[in-house]
Amino acid sequence: MAEYLHTMLRITDPEKSRKFYEALGFTFSRDMDIVRNGEREATNYFYSMGDHENVLELTFNHDGRTYDLGDAYGHIAVGVDDLAQTLAELKGQGIEAEREPYRVREGGSLICFVRDPDQYRVELIDRSGA
């Protein structure tokens, strides 16, 4: 039997990423250094959400490399109780929506996208039923 464990994203600034993902409701769980040949190569930062433990792994490589986001990545999605309130709280922390919330189909959920410090898209889905 298979079980979903986590999604991993490469990051360039652990502190900025932590602030962003905690603003979205993730909770920092733990970090883990990757050591090869006696040197710290990378650090993995794990985040939980609600009852789901360690569902997001952010990896920081200590060699200073940067990353090309590429065009295959889409987004991760997070359900929120009240999209308008969430966006107002995020805006207060300097996190802006890409555009105004919208529905992709008649009667569908209200959604909006924000970007993390490394420009990964995160979809916010209103779960209030509004």
Protein backbone atom coordinates (compact mmCIF):
# COMPACT_ATOMS: atom_id res chain seq x y z
CA MET A 1 0.00 0.00 0.00
CA ALA A 2 1.35 3.43 -0.92
CA GLU A 3 1.18 6.56 1.23
CA TYR A 4 1.80 10.17 0.20
CA LEU A 5 4.66 11.61 2.26
CA HIS A 6 5.79 15.04 1.08
CA THR A 7 6.67 17.49 -1.68
CA MET A 8 10.21 18.89 -1.90
CA LEU A 9 11.14 22.34 -3.20
CA ARG A 10 14.65 23.79 -3.47
CA ILE A 11 15.03 27.17 -1.79
CA THR A 12 17.65 29.93 -1.70
CA ASP A 13 16.82 31.68 1.60
CA PRO A 14 15.61 29.45 4.46
CA GLU A 15 14.48 32.33 6.69
CA LYS A 16 12.40 34.05 3.99
CA SER A 17 10.88 30.70 3.00
CA ARG A 18 10.06 29.86 6.61
CA LYS A 19 8.23 33.18 7.09
CA PHE A 20 6.29 32.65 3.85
CA TYR A 21 5.16 29.09 4.54
CA GLU A 22 4.34 29.79 8.17
CA ALA A 23 2.20 32.73 6.98
CA LEU A 24 0.27 30.19 4.87
CA GLY A 25 -0.39 28.02 7.91
CA PHE A 26 2.44 25.50 7.72
CA THR A 27 4.21 24.66 10.99
CA PHE A 28 7.95 24.11 11.10
CA SER A 29 8.57 20.53 12.28
CA ARG A 30 12.30 19.90 12.10
CA ASP A 31 15.44 20.33 10.06
CA MET A 32 18.00 17.77 8.99
CA ASP A 33 21.50 18.36 7.66
CA ILE A 34 22.76 16.30 4.73
CA VAL A 35 26.47 15.62 5.33
CA ARG A 36 28.77 14.09 2.71
CA ASN A 37 32.47 13.49 3.24
CA GLY A 38 32.30 15.36 6.53
CA GLU A 39 30.85 18.55 5.01
CA ARG A 40 27.32 19.92 5.29
CA GLU A 41 25.97 19.80 1.75
CA ALA A 42 22.34 20.72 2.32
CA THR A 43 19.72 21.25 4.99
CA ASN A 44 16.19 19.92 4.69
CA TYR A 45 13.45 21.85 6.49
CA PHE A 46 10.21 19.95 7.11
CA TYR A 47 6.79 21.56 7.59
CA SER A 48 3.49 20.13 8.72
CA MET A 49 -0.07 21.33 8.23
CA GLY A 50 -2.89 20.37 10.55
CA ASP A 51 -2.75 16.64 11.23
CA HIS A 52 -0.48 16.04 8.24
CA GLU A 53 3.10 15.80 9.42
CA ASN A 54 6.13 16.76 7.34
CA VAL A 55 4.21 17.23 4.07
CA LEU A 56 6.55 19.93 2.76
CA GLU A 57 10.33 19.62 2.54
CA LEU A 58 12.31 22.74 1.67
CA THR A 59 15.91 21.98 0.69
CA PHE A 60 18.69 24.54 0.95
CA ASN A 61 22.02 23.64 -0.66
CA HIS A 62 24.95 25.35 1.06
CA ASP A 63 27.11 25.72 -2.06
CA GLY A 64 25.40 28.95 -3.18
CA ARG A 65 23.80 27.52 -6.31
CA THR A 66 20.69 29.05 -7.83
CA TYR A 67 17.87 27.32 -9.65
CA ASP A 68 15.93 27.75 -12.84
CA LEU A 69 12.26 27.33 -11.98
CA GLY A 70 11.58 25.72 -15.35
CA ASP A 71 8.24 25.40 -17.05
CA ALA A 72 7.08 21.97 -15.86
CA TYR A 73 6.29 22.98 -12.27
CA GLY A 74 2.71 24.09 -11.66
CA HIS A 75 1.86 24.77 -8.03
CA ILE A 76 0.97 23.33 -4.65
CA ALA A 77 -2.51 24.00 -3.25
CA VAL A 78 -3.63 24.98 0.22
CA GLY A 79 -7.25 25.14 1.39
CA VAL A 80 -8.11 28.16 3.54
CA ASP A 81 -11.21 28.86 5.64
CA ASP A 82 -11.71 32.41 4.35
CA LEU A 83 -9.79 33.52 1.26
CA ALA A 84 -10.44 37.25 1.70
CA GLN A 85 -9.24 37.18 5.31
CA THR A 86 -6.22 35.05 4.40
CA LEU A 87 -5.21 37.42 1.61
CA ALA A 88 -5.58 40.43 3.94
CA GLU A 89 -3.36 38.75 6.55
CA LEU A 90 -0.78 37.79 3.92
CA LYS A 91 -0.77 41.31 2.49
CA GLY A 92 0.03 42.60 5.97
CA GLN A 93 3.13 40.41 5.83
CA GLY A 94 4.17 41.65 2.39
CA ILE A 95 2.76 38.70 0.42
CA GLU A 96 0.70 39.85 -2.54
CA ALA A 97 -1.75 37.88 -4.66
CA GLU A 98 -0.87 37.48 -8.35
CA ARG A 99 -4.34 38.79 -9.23
CA GLU A 100 -7.77 39.13 -7.67
CA PRO A 101 -9.48 35.88 -6.58
CA TYR A 102 -11.52 34.14 -9.28
CA ARG A 103 -13.43 30.97 -10.14
CA VAL A 104 -12.31 28.69 -12.96
CA ARG A 105 -15.89 27.57 -13.57
CA GLU A 106 -19.43 28.55 -12.60
CA GLY A 107 -20.07 27.42 -9.03
CA GLY A 108 -16.44 26.46 -8.51
CA SER A 109 -14.27 27.37 -5.56
CA LEU A 110 -12.83 30.85 -5.29
CA ILE A 111 -9.06 30.63 -5.82
CA CYS A 112 -6.01 32.85 -5.90
CA PHE A 113 -2.26 32.39 -6.33
CA VAL A 114 0.69 33.76 -4.36
CA ARG A 115 4.40 33.17 -4.94
CA ASP A 116 6.99 32.13 -2.40
CA PRO A 117 10.43 33.82 -2.13
CA ASP A 118 11.79 31.51 -4.87
CA GLN A 119 8.79 32.23 -7.14
CA TYR A 120 7.05 28.88 -6.67
CA ARG A 121 3.31 29.32 -7.10
CA VAL A 122 0.95 28.39 -4.28
CA GLU A 123 -2.78 28.15 -4.98
CA LEU A 124 -5.09 29.23 -2.17
CA ILE A 125 -8.53 27.63 -2.36
CA ASP A 126 -11.43 29.08 -0.38
CA ARG A 127 -13.12 26.30 1.61
CA SER A 128 -15.87 28.50 3.11
CA GLY A 129 -18.34 27.61 0.37
CA ALA A 130 -18.74 31.27 -0.56
